[in-house]
Protein backbone atom coordinates (compact mmCIF):
# COMPACT_ATOMS: atom_id res chain seq x y z
CA UNK A 1 -0.09 -9.66 -88.12
CA UNK A 2 1.09 -12.28 -89.59
CA UNK A 3 4.75 -11.22 -89.89
CA UNK A 4 5.78 -8.84 -86.88
CA UNK A 5 9.64 -7.76 -87.49
CA UNK A 6 11.87 -8.68 -85.16
CA UNK A 7 13.53 -6.00 -83.62
CA UNK A 8 17.35 -6.78 -82.36
CA UNK A 9 19.55 -5.47 -80.09
CA UNK A 10 22.42 -3.79 -81.73
CA UNK A 11 25.68 -5.88 -79.99
CA UNK A 12 27.09 -2.40 -79.00
CA UNK A 13 24.09 -1.70 -76.73
CA UNK A 14 24.41 -5.39 -75.39
CA UNK A 15 28.41 -4.67 -75.11
CA UNK A 16 27.61 -1.39 -73.25
CA UNK A 17 25.13 -3.41 -70.64
CA UNK A 18 27.56 -5.94 -70.29
CA UNK A 19 30.54 -3.81 -69.07
CA UNK A 20 27.53 -1.57 -66.95
CA UNK A 21 26.69 -4.93 -65.19
CA UNK A 22 30.31 -6.15 -64.68
CA UNK A 23 31.22 -2.66 -63.33
CA UNK A 24 28.24 -2.37 -60.97
CA UNK A 25 29.32 -6.17 -59.72
CA UNK A 26 32.69 -4.90 -59.31
CA UNK A 27 31.51 -1.66 -57.06
CA UNK A 28 29.16 -3.96 -54.85
CA UNK A 29 31.65 -6.46 -53.92
CA UNK A 30 34.03 -3.36 -52.94
CA UNK A 31 31.49 -2.09 -51.03
CA UNK A 32 30.89 -5.78 -49.68
CA UNK A 33 34.73 -5.99 -48.75
CA UNK A 34 34.71 -2.27 -47.34
CA UNK A 35 31.64 -3.27 -44.81
CA UNK A 36 32.90 -6.83 -43.46
CA UNK A 37 36.43 -4.64 -42.94
CA UNK A 38 34.63 -1.82 -41.25
CA UNK A 39 32.30 -4.53 -39.08
CA UNK A 40 35.69 -6.43 -37.89
CA UNK A 41 37.60 -3.10 -37.24
CA UNK A 42 34.98 -2.28 -34.99
CA UNK A 43 34.88 -5.52 -33.19
CA UNK A 44 38.30 -5.23 -32.24
CA UNK A 45 37.78 -2.00 -31.05
CA UNK A 46 34.78 -3.06 -28.95
CA UNK A 47 36.81 -5.85 -27.95
CA UNK A 48 39.73 -3.82 -26.84
CA UNK A 49 37.28 -1.61 -25.09
CA UNK A 50 35.28 -4.43 -22.87
CA UNK A 51 39.00 -5.50 -22.10
CA UNK A 52 39.98 -2.03 -21.04
CA UNK A 53 36.23 -1.97 -18.91
CA UNK A 54 37.17 -5.43 -17.08
CA UNK A 55 40.75 -4.30 -16.27
CA UNK A 56 39.48 -1.18 -15.20
CA UNK A 57 36.93 -2.99 -12.89
CA UNK A 58 39.82 -5.78 -11.68
CA UNK A 59 41.71 -2.85 -10.54
CA UNK A 60 38.90 -1.23 -8.59
CA UNK A 61 37.90 -4.27 -6.72
CA UNK A 62 42.12 -4.85 -6.02
CA UNK A 63 42.47 -1.45 -4.60
CA UNK A 64 38.56 -2.08 -2.32
CA UNK A 65 40.10 -5.32 -1.16
CA UNK A 66 43.55 -3.75 -0.69
CA UNK A 67 41.69 -0.65 1.60
CA UNK A 68 39.48 -3.06 3.51
CA UNK A 69 42.21 -5.36 4.44
CA UNK A 70 44.32 -2.24 5.72
CA UNK A 71 40.92 -1.39 7.51
CA UNK A 72 40.86 -4.34 9.34
CA UNK A 73 44.73 -4.72 10.33
CA UNK A 74 44.26 -1.21 11.48
CA UNK A 75 41.41 -1.87 13.64
CA UNK A 76 43.41 -5.14 14.98
CA UNK A 77 46.30 -3.15 16.19
CA UNK A 78 44.14 -0.55 17.34
CA UNK A 79 42.30 -3.02 19.62
CA UNK A 80 45.44 -4.73 20.85
CA UNK A 81 46.52 -1.08 22.06
CA UNK A 82 47.03 -0.71 26.02
CA UNK A 83 47.43 3.12 26.09
CA UNK A 84 45.86 6.25 24.65
CA UNK A 85 48.58 7.23 23.22
CA UNK A 86 49.03 4.11 21.50
CA UNK A 87 45.99 4.62 19.71
CA UNK A 88 46.68 8.36 19.06
CA UNK A 89 50.07 6.76 17.01
CA UNK A 90 48.22 3.97 15.56
CA UNK A 91 45.60 6.37 14.09
CA UNK A 92 48.45 8.91 12.67
CA UNK A 93 49.66 5.52 11.40
CA UNK A 94 46.87 4.49 9.82
CA UNK A 95 46.00 8.13 8.21
CA UNK A 96 49.17 8.24 6.96
CA UNK A 97 49.36 4.55 5.41
CA UNK A 98 45.78 5.52 3.93
CA UNK A 99 46.62 8.81 2.38
CA UNK A 100 49.62 7.45 0.74
CA UNK A 101 47.81 4.26 -0.54
CA UNK A 102 44.55 6.55 -2.03
CA UNK A 103 47.31 9.00 -3.68
CA UNK A 104 48.95 5.69 -5.20
CA UNK A 105 45.57 4.38 -6.33
CA UNK A 106 44.32 7.71 -7.59
CA UNK A 107 47.30 8.07 -9.72
CA UNK A 108 47.04 4.27 -11.07
CA UNK A 109 43.09 5.09 -11.87
CA UNK A 110 43.75 8.25 -13.59
CA UNK A 111 46.85 6.85 -16.03
CA UNK A 112 44.33 4.01 -16.77
CA UNK A 113 41.26 5.78 -16.94
CA UNK A 114 43.13 8.30 -19.41
CA UNK A 115 44.59 5.69 -21.73
CA UNK A 116 40.92 4.01 -21.91
CA UNK A 117 39.66 7.64 -22.52
CA UNK A 118 42.42 7.78 -24.95
CA UNK A 119 41.96 4.89 -27.23
CA UNK A 120 37.66 5.60 -27.06
CA UNK A 121 39.03 8.87 -28.47
CA UNK A 122 41.83 7.68 -30.96
CA UNK A 123 44.26 10.01 -29.26
CA UNK A 124 47.22 9.46 -27.49
CA UNK A 125 47.54 9.85 -23.65
CA UNK A 126 48.92 13.09 -22.16
CA UNK A 127 47.60 15.23 -25.78
């Protein structure tokens, strides 16, 4: 028990271990870089989606304000009408104006919604 022989690790085996550690470190660094890039890309997509949702919300609110203003304007004109024929004409004009306004608003909302959906799915609008 006095002298136990020292077992030495051959230099070749140490070289293989060092190379393996170096390769593992390089692989892990590559993995972490890819993970950071994926998170950054996801963050940009989320920011863009939030911006699209914000724009869609603002557009909806703008349309609601325009429709409310048109309703008040119609009510004001109607209150000043002096004959039933004038009432009928004002009403017909309002219905026609409102139909045109709603058509334009629906078209704009459709385009914005389509663009947002295209972004979300990664396709080009209209395809």
